[in-house]
Amino acid sequence: MSGTRPGRAVVVGGGLAGITSALELADAGLSVTLIEGRPRLGGLAFSFRRGDLTVDNGQHVYLRCCTAYRWFLDRVGGAELAPVQARLDVPVLDVAHPRGPRLGRLRRAALPVPLHLARSLATYPHLSLAERASVGRAALALKRLDPADPALDGVDFATWLGRHGQSARTIEALWDLVGVATLNATAPHASLGLAAMVFKTGLLSEPGAADIGWARVPLGELHDTLARKALDSAGVRTETRTKVESISRTQDGSWQVQVAGETLDAEVVVLAVPQKETYDLLPDGALDDPGKLLDIGTAPILNVHVVYDRKVLKQPFFAALGTPVQWVFDRTDSSGLMGGGQYLAISQSAAEDEIDLPVAELRARYLPELEKLLPAARGAEILDFFVTRERTATFAPTPGVGRLRPSARTRADGLYLAGAWTATGWPATMEGAVRSGFSAAGAALGALGRPHVHPLQEAA
């Protein structure tokens, strides 16, 4: 397939996985066309306009250990626009404590693992002394697990935590506090393999691994505007508002991708779209059991947006206990809000019970909760209240999902898969999406016989 003909590639899907694949293939000298059905790039991490505001569809964060997504930010020239905390520091507010609201913090010290979190856990007010001690023992047991062990995939995280002495309160106030946000599932509904991967990599690998980064600008500036510039500079032809109708094999073993009014010829095709769309486009025989793609479930994320007429939160973000509210972020500056008000975004993962509730019901539920958490919000005028819903925000990280996730390679030469739902070893995160793009491009370039160094090895 390498031949003397210039390599041509078509990448279907303009999310982070597709953008990454396209950049890697173009950087290796292929002629690349990127096809995206939406009018923008960025997949499910995007922005839109609402009046004078620029709104992210949902709050997205990453960790210092997310080396692939950090590569992506560097590659598109956006690293300075999404910086990482100097040191992990998460305010955690419990409003249901019998003696009144209590503020704790999860933060690290400048000490080696696991001592970097020891002081924070020792003084964490949301757990008893015995519960804090139990966390240390469970963390040491977790550190001994191999997340890639297939046996872990079939066990739910809650069962394992229970076997290691974790109380319901410990799971709520610590393990799920982190796990729901990163896995988009509570412990009973999360694969132990994925949970172990998250906690080992984020909390038990390097002292700074869990330091949190987030965009100080709208996500669209990073994942659409800057990504388009990077694609243009790499020579990628990017077509948005374009739907792929079919993918077929030619007699000479290459591929044809049919879009409205045009047939694209290619030696390489990367499908970087959700699993259902991938299933619909896959040629016969490309996977042994394509039906497995449809067995990969999805999980929703709900975001509640509130604009106040005054500043009600001093911190950039916090997590909450004793309330339906999970995480609250200040999005005032990034949204362009003017006039002294404040825009808060409440991020609600694993939101199966709320994703379809009417806006009026969500307003009645969440505004009083914010007043409990933020006394300054009491009496503040609500300038705007709206909701964004991603019903299929991530793949569901349920026990057994690992055996369903396909690798980048298919049985059809020249056809590759990318997306956070593929077998990256990571849950459905921006990091996983970028890593899947690396895998698809690397597999394609290897099959073409083109020299290729994995970007993270190159960075190392």
Protein backbone atom coordinates (compact mmCIF):
# COMPACT_ATOMS: atom_id res chain seq x y z
CA MET A 1 0.00 0.00 0.00
CA SER A 2 2.95 2.33 0.52
CA GLY A 3 3.85 2.37 -3.21
CA THR A 4 5.03 5.60 -4.83
CA ARG A 5 1.66 7.32 -4.82
CA PRO A 6 1.31 10.20 -2.35
CA GLY A 7 -0.61 9.03 0.70
CA ARG A 8 -4.16 10.29 0.97
CA ALA A 9 -6.23 10.12 4.14
CA VAL A 10 -9.78 10.99 5.08
CA VAL A 11 -10.63 11.55 8.73
CA VAL A 12 -14.33 11.40 9.53
CA GLY A 13 -15.15 13.43 12.64
CA GLY A 14 -13.83 16.76 13.88
CA GLY A 15 -13.67 16.16 17.62
CA LEU A 16 -10.39 15.97 19.50
CA ALA A 17 -9.74 12.43 18.25
CA GLY A 18 -10.28 13.38 14.62
CA ILE A 19 -8.30 16.61 14.84
CA THR A 20 -5.39 14.74 16.44
CA SER A 21 -5.45 12.00 13.79
CA ALA A 22 -5.55 14.57 11.00
CA LEU A 23 -2.64 16.56 12.42
CA GLU A 24 -0.50 13.47 12.93
CA LEU A 25 -1.18 12.14 9.45
CA ALA A 26 -0.55 15.51 7.84
CA ASP A 27 2.64 16.03 9.82
CA ALA A 28 3.84 12.69 8.41
CA GLY A 29 3.34 13.94 4.86
CA LEU A 30 -0.09 12.59 3.92
CA SER A 31 -2.68 14.62 2.05
CA VAL A 32 -5.51 14.78 4.61
CA THR A 33 -9.17 15.74 4.37
CA LEU A 34 -11.12 16.15 7.62
CA ILE A 35 -14.91 15.79 7.38
CA GLU A 36 -17.23 17.09 10.12
CA GLY A 37 -21.01 17.18 10.01
CA ARG A 38 -21.40 20.04 12.46
CA PRO A 39 -20.62 23.65 11.57
CA ARG A 40 -17.71 23.62 14.03
CA LEU A 41 -14.89 21.47 15.32
CA GLY A 42 -14.45 20.26 18.88
CA GLY A 43 -16.96 17.43 19.18
CA LEU A 44 -18.65 17.51 22.59
CA ALA A 45 -16.30 20.12 24.02
CA PHE A 46 -17.51 23.29 22.32
CA SER A 47 -18.89 26.80 22.82
CA PHE A 48 -21.88 28.73 21.55
CA ARG A 49 -23.26 32.25 21.78
CA ARG A 50 -26.14 33.18 24.07
CA GLY A 51 -26.81 36.88 23.81
CA ASP A 52 -23.61 38.64 24.81
CA LEU A 53 -22.16 35.53 26.45
CA THR A 54 -19.92 32.85 24.99
CA VAL A 55 -21.00 29.66 26.72
CA ASP A 56 -19.24 26.29 26.97
CA ASN A 57 -21.69 23.43 26.56
CA GLY A 58 -20.16 21.93 29.69
CA GLN A 59 -17.31 22.47 32.09
CA HIS A 60 -14.23 20.52 30.99
CA VAL A 61 -11.08 20.11 33.06
CA TYR A 62 -7.94 18.06 32.69
CA LEU A 63 -5.09 17.04 34.99
CA ARG A 64 -1.36 17.54 34.77
CA CYS A 65 -1.05 13.81 34.09
CA CYS A 66 -3.11 14.26 30.90
CA THR A 67 0.01 14.43 28.76
CA ALA A 68 -1.81 13.79 25.46
CA TYR A 69 -4.28 16.62 25.91
CA ARG A 70 -1.44 18.88 26.99
CA TRP A 71 0.31 17.92 23.75
CA PHE A 72 -2.87 18.90 21.90
CA LEU A 73 -2.94 22.30 23.58
CA ASP A 74 0.70 22.86 22.67
CA ARG A 75 0.12 21.68 19.12
CA VAL A 76 -2.70 24.17 18.50
CA GLY A 77 -0.97 26.98 20.40
CA GLY A 78 -3.42 27.09 23.30
CA ALA A 79 -1.42 25.91 26.33
CA GLU A 80 -1.25 29.36 27.92
CA LEU A 81 -5.03 29.71 27.58
CA ALA A 82 -5.71 26.59 29.67
CA PRO A 83 -3.11 26.58 32.45
CA VAL A 84 -2.78 24.06 35.26
CA GLN A 85 -2.90 24.89 38.97
CA ALA A 86 0.51 25.41 40.52
CA ARG A 87 -0.53 22.79 43.08
CA LEU A 88 -3.69 20.70 43.53
CA ASP A 89 -6.21 22.56 45.69
CA VAL A 90 -9.91 21.63 45.70
CA PRO A 91 -12.26 23.36 48.16
CA VAL A 92 -14.94 20.90 49.31
CA LEU A 93 -17.97 22.38 51.06
CA ASP A 94 -20.39 20.22 53.06
CA VAL A 95 -23.66 22.01 53.83
CA ALA A 96 -25.35 19.05 55.53
CA HIS A 97 -23.07 18.72 58.56
CA PRO A 98 -25.02 18.71 61.86
CA ARG A 99 -22.95 21.60 63.18
CA GLY A 100 -23.38 23.71 60.08
CA PRO A 101 -21.48 24.09 56.79
CA ARG A 102 -17.88 22.86 56.87
CA LEU A 103 -15.17 23.65 54.34
CA GLY A 104 -12.38 21.19 53.69
CA ARG A 105 -9.67 21.07 51.06
CA LEU A 106 -8.04 18.35 49.04
CA ARG A 107 -4.59 19.65 48.28
CA ARG A 108 -1.11 18.33 47.90
CA ALA A 109 2.17 19.19 49.51
CA ALA A 110 5.60 19.31 47.89
CA LEU A 111 6.38 15.76 49.04
CA PRO A 112 6.79 12.45 47.22
CA VAL A 113 3.87 10.06 46.63
CA PRO A 114 1.95 9.13 48.78
CA LEU A 115 3.04 11.68 51.37
CA HIS A 116 1.97 14.51 49.07
CA LEU A 117 -1.66 13.96 50.13
CA ALA A 118 -1.09 12.73 53.68
CA ARG A 119 -1.52 16.06 55.44
CA SER A 120 -4.61 16.93 53.43
CA LEU A 121 -6.28 13.62 54.24
CA ALA A 122 -5.25 13.80 57.89
CA THR A 123 -7.13 17.08 58.28
CA TYR A 124 -10.00 16.41 55.88
CA PRO A 125 -13.03 17.37 57.99
CA HIS A 126 -15.60 15.43 56.00
CA LEU A 127 -14.35 12.04 57.24
CA SER A 128 -13.82 10.61 60.70
CA LEU A 129 -10.35 9.67 61.93
CA ALA A 130 -11.08 6.00 61.29
CA GLU A 131 -12.37 6.75 57.78
CA ARG A 132 -9.25 8.77 56.96
CA ALA A 133 -7.06 5.87 58.07
CA SER A 134 -9.09 3.48 55.94
CA VAL A 135 -8.52 5.68 52.88
CA GLY A 136 -4.77 5.29 53.25
CA ARG A 137 -5.04 1.51 53.40
CA ALA A 138 -7.34 1.40 50.36
CA ALA A 139 -5.01 3.71 48.41
CA LEU A 140 -2.07 1.38 49.04
CA ALA A 141 -4.17 -1.58 47.86
CA LEU A 142 -5.25 0.37 44.79
CA LYS A 143 -1.64 1.17 43.97
CA ARG A 144 -0.93 -2.56 43.70
CA LEU A 145 -3.62 -3.10 41.06
CA ASP A 146 -2.87 -3.31 37.35
CA PRO A 147 -5.62 -1.34 35.54
CA ALA A 148 -4.91 -3.33 32.37
CA ASP A 149 -5.76 -6.63 34.09
CA PRO A 150 -8.92 -7.86 32.28
CA ALA A 151 -10.24 -9.31 35.55
CA LEU A 152 -10.61 -5.81 36.99
CA ASP A 153 -12.89 -4.78 34.14
CA GLY A 154 -15.66 -7.11 35.32
CA VAL A 155 -15.72 -5.84 38.93
CA ASP A 156 -17.52 -2.70 40.02
CA PHE A 157 -15.56 -0.11 41.98
CA ALA A 158 -18.03 0.02 44.89
CA THR A 159 -17.65 -3.71 45.57
CA TRP A 160 -13.88 -3.37 45.70
CA LEU A 161 -14.09 -0.30 47.96
CA GLY A 162 -16.40 -2.17 50.31
CA ARG A 163 -13.97 -5.08 50.49
CA HIS A 164 -11.30 -2.60 51.51
CA GLY A 165 -13.19 -1.05 54.37
CA GLN A 166 -14.57 2.05 52.70
CA SER A 167 -17.77 3.32 54.34
CA ALA A 168 -20.67 4.82 52.42
CA ARG A 169 -19.59 8.24 53.72
CA THR A 170 -16.01 7.70 52.56
CA ILE A 171 -17.21 6.77 49.10
CA GLU A 172 -19.47 9.83 48.93
CA ALA A 173 -17.03 12.36 50.37
CA LEU A 174 -13.86 11.22 48.61
CA TRP A 175 -13.95 8.38 46.09
CA ASP A 176 -17.13 9.49 44.28
CA LEU A 177 -16.21 13.14 44.64
CA VAL A 178 -13.33 12.45 42.27
CA GLY A 179 -14.71 9.41 40.46
CA VAL A 180 -18.04 10.85 39.35
CA ALA A 181 -16.29 13.84 37.76
CA THR A 182 -13.68 11.74 35.95
CA LEU A 183 -15.62 8.56 35.15
CA ASN A 184 -19.14 10.01 34.79
CA ALA A 185 -20.45 7.24 37.01
CA THR A 186 -20.84 6.48 40.68
CA ALA A 187 -18.76 3.69 42.17
CA PRO A 188 -21.41 0.93 41.80
CA HIS A 189 -21.63 1.64 38.07
CA ALA A 190 -17.91 2.03 37.34
CA SER A 191 -15.46 -0.63 36.19
CA LEU A 192 -12.73 -1.23 38.74
CA GLY A 193 -10.20 -1.25 35.90
CA LEU A 194 -11.10 2.28 34.81
CA ALA A 195 -11.37 3.53 38.38
CA ALA A 196 -7.97 2.08 39.23
CA MET A 197 -6.52 3.74 36.16
CA VAL A 198 -7.92 7.15 37.18
CA PHE A 199 -6.82 7.03 40.81
CA LYS A 200 -3.44 5.40 40.20
CA THR A 201 -2.52 7.82 37.44
CA GLY A 202 -4.03 10.94 38.96
CA LEU A 203 -3.29 10.53 42.65
CA LEU A 204 -0.64 7.86 43.06
CA SER A 205 1.83 8.29 40.19
CA GLU A 206 3.55 11.66 40.66
CA PRO A 207 3.00 14.42 43.22
CA GLY A 208 1.67 16.90 40.67
CA ALA A 209 -0.31 14.45 38.54
CA ALA A 210 -3.72 15.60 39.82
CA ASP A 211 -3.13 19.34 39.54
CA ILE A 212 -6.18 20.67 37.70
CA GLY A 213 -6.18 22.63 34.45
CA TRP A 214 -9.09 24.30 32.68
CA ALA A 215 -9.67 26.76 29.86
CA ARG A 216 -9.66 30.44 30.78
CA VAL A 217 -11.20 31.13 27.35
CA PRO A 218 -14.21 29.55 25.65
CA LEU A 219 -13.55 25.96 24.60
CA GLY A 220 -14.39 26.91 21.03
CA GLU A 221 -11.33 29.13 20.91
CA LEU A 222 -9.14 26.10 21.64
CA HIS A 223 -10.95 23.24 19.93
CA ASP A 224 -12.33 25.10 16.92
CA THR A 225 -10.58 28.41 16.19
CA LEU A 226 -7.03 27.41 17.12
CA ALA A 227 -7.52 23.83 15.93
CA ARG A 228 -8.61 25.08 12.49
CA LYS A 229 -5.51 27.26 12.27
CA ALA A 230 -3.31 24.31 13.15
CA LEU A 231 -5.04 22.11 10.59
CA ASP A 232 -4.74 24.80 7.93
CA SER A 233 -1.04 25.23 8.70
CA ALA A 234 -0.52 21.48 8.41
CA GLY A 235 -2.19 21.49 5.00
CA VAL A 236 -5.34 19.65 6.07
CA ARG A 237 -8.45 20.32 4.04
CA THR A 238 -11.24 20.78 6.59
CA GLU A 239 -14.87 20.47 5.53
CA THR A 240 -17.58 21.21 8.10
CA ARG A 241 -21.35 20.92 7.59
CA THR A 242 -20.51 17.83 5.56
CA LYS A 243 -21.99 14.41 6.17
CA VAL A 244 -20.35 11.19 5.09
CA GLU A 245 -22.87 9.04 3.25
CA SER A 246 -20.85 5.86 2.79
CA ILE A 247 -17.40 4.30 2.87
CA SER A 248 -16.49 1.59 0.38
CA ARG A 249 -13.50 -0.42 -0.80
CA THR A 250 -12.24 -0.10 -4.36
CA GLN A 251 -10.92 -2.91 -6.51
CA ASP A 252 -7.32 -1.79 -5.98
CA GLY A 253 -7.69 -1.96 -2.19
CA SER A 254 -7.99 1.74 -1.51
CA TRP A 255 -11.07 3.55 -0.18
CA GLN A 256 -13.79 5.85 -1.39
CA VAL A 257 -15.60 8.15 1.01
CA GLN A 258 -18.85 9.49 -0.38
CA VAL A 259 -20.09 12.92 0.71
CA ALA A 260 -22.72 15.10 -0.89
CA GLY A 261 -21.60 15.89 -4.42
CA GLU A 262 -18.10 14.43 -4.09
CA THR A 263 -16.22 11.15 -3.81
CA LEU A 264 -12.97 11.26 -1.84
CA ASP A 265 -10.29 8.69 -2.67
CA ALA A 266 -7.92 7.59 0.09
CA GLU A 267 -5.47 4.92 1.20
CA VAL A 268 -6.31 5.64 4.83
CA VAL A 269 -9.68 6.31 6.46
CA VAL A 270 -10.04 7.12 10.15
CA LEU A 271 -13.52 6.93 11.65
CA ALA A 272 -13.41 9.33 14.60
CA VAL A 273 -17.13 9.48 15.36
CA PRO A 274 -19.32 8.04 18.15
CA GLN A 275 -19.85 4.31 18.32
CA LYS A 276 -23.36 4.28 16.79
CA GLU A 277 -22.22 6.40 13.83
CA THR A 278 -19.16 4.21 13.45
CA TYR A 279 -21.38 1.11 13.36
CA ASP A 280 -23.52 2.67 10.63
CA LEU A 281 -20.49 3.51 8.46
CA LEU A 282 -18.41 0.36 8.94
CA PRO A 283 -18.03 -1.78 5.82
CA ASP A 284 -18.95 -5.45 6.17
CA GLY A 285 -16.20 -7.52 7.77
CA ALA A 286 -14.30 -4.58 9.26
CA LEU A 287 -14.84 -5.92 12.79
CA ASP A 288 -15.40 -9.48 13.99
CA ASP A 289 -18.45 -8.45 15.98
CA PRO A 290 -19.54 -4.91 15.10
CA GLY A 291 -22.62 -5.32 17.28
CA LYS A 292 -20.38 -4.84 20.32
CA LEU A 293 -20.19 -1.15 19.42
CA LEU A 294 -23.92 -0.84 20.09
CA ASP A 295 -23.47 -2.52 23.48
CA ILE A 296 -21.21 0.30 24.68
CA GLY A 297 -23.62 2.38 26.70
CA THR A 298 -23.65 6.14 27.09
CA ALA A 299 -23.90 8.41 30.12
CA PRO A 300 -25.27 11.96 30.32
CA ILE A 301 -23.88 15.18 31.78
CA LEU A 302 -26.09 18.08 32.78
CA ASN A 303 -24.83 21.64 33.12
CA VAL A 304 -26.82 24.32 34.93
CA HIS A 305 -25.86 27.92 34.14
CA VAL A 306 -26.69 30.83 36.43
CA VAL A 307 -25.86 34.51 35.91
CA TYR A 308 -26.10 36.70 39.03
CA ASP A 309 -26.14 40.47 39.21
CA ARG A 310 -23.22 40.43 41.64
CA LYS A 311 -20.21 38.37 42.67
CA VAL A 312 -21.29 35.48 44.91
CA LEU A 313 -18.25 33.16 44.69
CA LYS A 314 -14.64 34.11 45.42
CA GLN A 315 -13.00 30.81 44.43
CA PRO A 316 -12.54 29.75 40.80
CA PHE A 317 -14.37 26.49 41.60
CA PHE A 318 -15.42 24.17 44.42
CA ALA A 319 -16.97 20.75 44.99
CA ALA A 320 -19.98 20.20 47.22
CA LEU A 321 -21.32 17.56 49.60
CA GLY A 322 -24.72 17.24 51.27
CA THR A 323 -26.47 18.73 48.26
CA PRO A 324 -27.41 17.69 44.71
CA VAL A 325 -24.78 20.16 43.48
CA GLN A 326 -21.52 18.45 42.47
CA TRP A 327 -19.02 21.01 41.12
CA VAL A 328 -19.40 24.78 40.62
CA PHE A 329 -17.13 26.87 38.37
CA ASP A 330 -16.81 30.60 37.86
CA ARG A 331 -17.10 31.21 34.10
CA THR A 332 -17.46 35.00 34.28
CA ASP A 333 -14.26 36.02 32.54
CA SER A 334 -14.21 33.31 29.89
CA SER A 335 -17.82 34.04 28.89
CA GLY A 336 -17.19 37.75 28.37
CA LEU A 337 -19.76 38.79 30.99
CA MET A 338 -19.54 42.50 31.66
CA GLY A 339 -21.02 44.79 34.29
CA GLY A 340 -19.97 43.32 37.62
CA GLY A 341 -22.19 40.24 37.65
CA GLN A 342 -21.01 36.65 37.95
CA TYR A 343 -21.68 33.60 35.80
CA LEU A 344 -21.53 30.20 37.51
CA ALA A 345 -21.70 26.82 35.81
CA ILE A 346 -22.80 23.76 37.80
CA SER A 347 -21.45 20.53 36.33
CA GLN A 348 -23.55 17.45 37.09
CA SER A 349 -22.08 14.15 35.96
CA ALA A 350 -23.88 10.80 36.04
CA ALA A 351 -27.08 12.81 35.64
CA GLU A 352 -29.43 10.05 34.46
CA ASP A 353 -32.16 11.11 36.89
CA GLU A 354 -32.07 14.78 35.88
CA ILE A 355 -31.06 14.98 32.25
CA ASP A 356 -34.64 15.31 30.97
CA LEU A 357 -36.16 17.39 33.75
CA PRO A 358 -37.80 20.68 32.67
CA VAL A 359 -35.79 23.85 33.12
CA ALA A 360 -38.36 25.19 35.62
CA GLU A 361 -37.92 22.12 37.81
CA LEU A 362 -34.14 22.37 37.65
CA ARG A 363 -34.33 26.05 38.54
CA ALA A 364 -36.51 25.27 41.56
CA ARG A 365 -34.05 22.59 42.62
CA TYR A 366 -30.70 24.29 42.11
CA LEU A 367 -31.15 27.94 42.99
CA PRO A 368 -32.00 27.19 46.65
CA GLU A 369 -29.06 24.79 46.81
CA LEU A 370 -26.70 27.49 45.57
CA GLU A 371 -28.03 29.80 48.27
CA LYS A 372 -27.18 27.17 50.88
CA LEU A 373 -23.67 26.85 49.50
CA LEU A 374 -23.11 30.55 48.79
CA PRO A 375 -24.65 32.93 51.33
CA ALA A 376 -23.79 35.86 49.06
CA ALA A 377 -26.27 34.46 46.52
CA ARG A 378 -29.17 35.04 48.88
CA GLY A 379 -31.02 38.08 47.64
CA ALA A 380 -28.92 38.35 44.47
CA GLU A 381 -30.88 38.90 41.28
CA ILE A 382 -30.85 36.10 38.71
CA LEU A 383 -30.09 37.70 35.35
CA ASP A 384 -30.20 34.42 33.43
CA PHE A 385 -30.76 30.74 34.10
CA PHE A 386 -30.40 28.06 31.44
CA VAL A 387 -29.41 24.43 31.03
CA THR A 388 -27.24 22.51 28.58
CA ARG A 389 -27.71 18.77 28.23
CA GLU A 390 -25.39 16.20 26.71
CA ARG A 391 -27.44 13.00 26.82
CA THR A 392 -24.63 10.92 25.34
CA ALA A 393 -21.74 12.91 26.81
CA THR A 394 -19.50 9.89 27.40
CA PHE A 395 -19.45 6.16 27.03
CA ALA A 396 -20.70 4.49 30.21
CA PRO A 397 -17.71 3.06 32.14
CA THR A 398 -19.71 0.09 33.41
CA PRO A 399 -18.12 -3.19 34.48
CA GLY A 400 -17.38 -5.24 31.38
CA VAL A 401 -17.09 -2.30 29.00
CA GLY A 402 -13.43 -3.05 28.40
CA ARG A 403 -14.21 -6.16 26.35
CA LEU A 404 -16.46 -4.07 24.10
CA ARG A 405 -14.03 -1.28 23.26
CA PRO A 406 -12.25 -1.89 19.93
CA SER A 407 -8.64 -1.07 19.15
CA ALA A 408 -7.66 1.44 16.49
CA ARG A 409 -7.02 -1.29 13.92
CA THR A 410 -9.81 -3.02 12.06
CA ARG A 411 -9.78 -6.14 9.88
CA ALA A 412 -9.96 -3.90 6.82
CA ASP A 413 -6.54 -2.66 5.70
CA GLY A 414 -6.39 1.11 5.74
CA LEU A 415 -9.45 1.61 7.97
CA TYR A 416 -8.93 2.76 11.57
CA LEU A 417 -11.06 3.79 14.53
CA ALA A 418 -10.60 6.71 16.93
CA GLY A 419 -12.64 8.19 19.74
CA ALA A 420 -12.56 8.24 23.52
CA TRP A 421 -14.76 5.12 23.47
CA THR A 422 -12.09 2.99 21.78
CA ALA A 423 -9.57 0.92 23.74
CA THR A 424 -7.40 3.70 25.13
CA GLY A 425 -7.29 2.40 28.71
CA TRP A 426 -8.74 5.77 29.79
CA PRO A 427 -12.31 6.73 30.59
CA ALA A 428 -14.18 9.11 28.29
CA THR A 429 -12.04 12.21 28.68
CA MET A 430 -10.36 14.73 26.43
CA GLU A 431 -7.16 12.86 27.23
CA GLY A 432 -8.62 9.59 26.01
CA ALA A 433 -9.86 11.23 22.82
CA VAL A 434 -6.43 12.60 21.94
CA ARG A 435 -4.75 9.29 22.78
CA SER A 436 -7.14 7.50 20.44
CA GLY A 437 -6.12 9.90 17.69
CA PHE A 438 -2.48 9.02 18.31
CA SER A 439 -3.29 5.31 18.10
CA ALA A 440 -5.23 5.56 14.86
CA ALA A 441 -2.63 7.72 13.13
CA GLY A 442 0.25 5.62 14.42
CA ALA A 443 -1.35 2.40 13.20
CA ALA A 444 -2.03 3.93 9.78
CA LEU A 445 1.49 5.27 9.37
CA GLY A 446 2.98 1.96 10.48
CA ALA A 447 0.95 0.10 7.86
CA LEU A 448 2.09 2.59 5.21
CA GLY A 449 5.71 2.06 6.22
CA ARG A 450 6.18 5.69 7.13
CA PRO A 451 8.59 6.60 9.95
CA HIS A 452 6.63 7.80 12.95
CA VAL A 453 7.53 8.60 16.54
CA HIS A 454 4.71 8.67 19.07
CA PRO A 455 4.28 12.31 20.12
CA LEU A 456 4.56 11.55 23.83
CA GLN A 457 7.76 9.55 23.33
CA GLU A 458 9.10 12.43 21.25
CA ALA A 459 8.23 14.88 24.02
CA ALA A 460 9.98 12.67 26.56
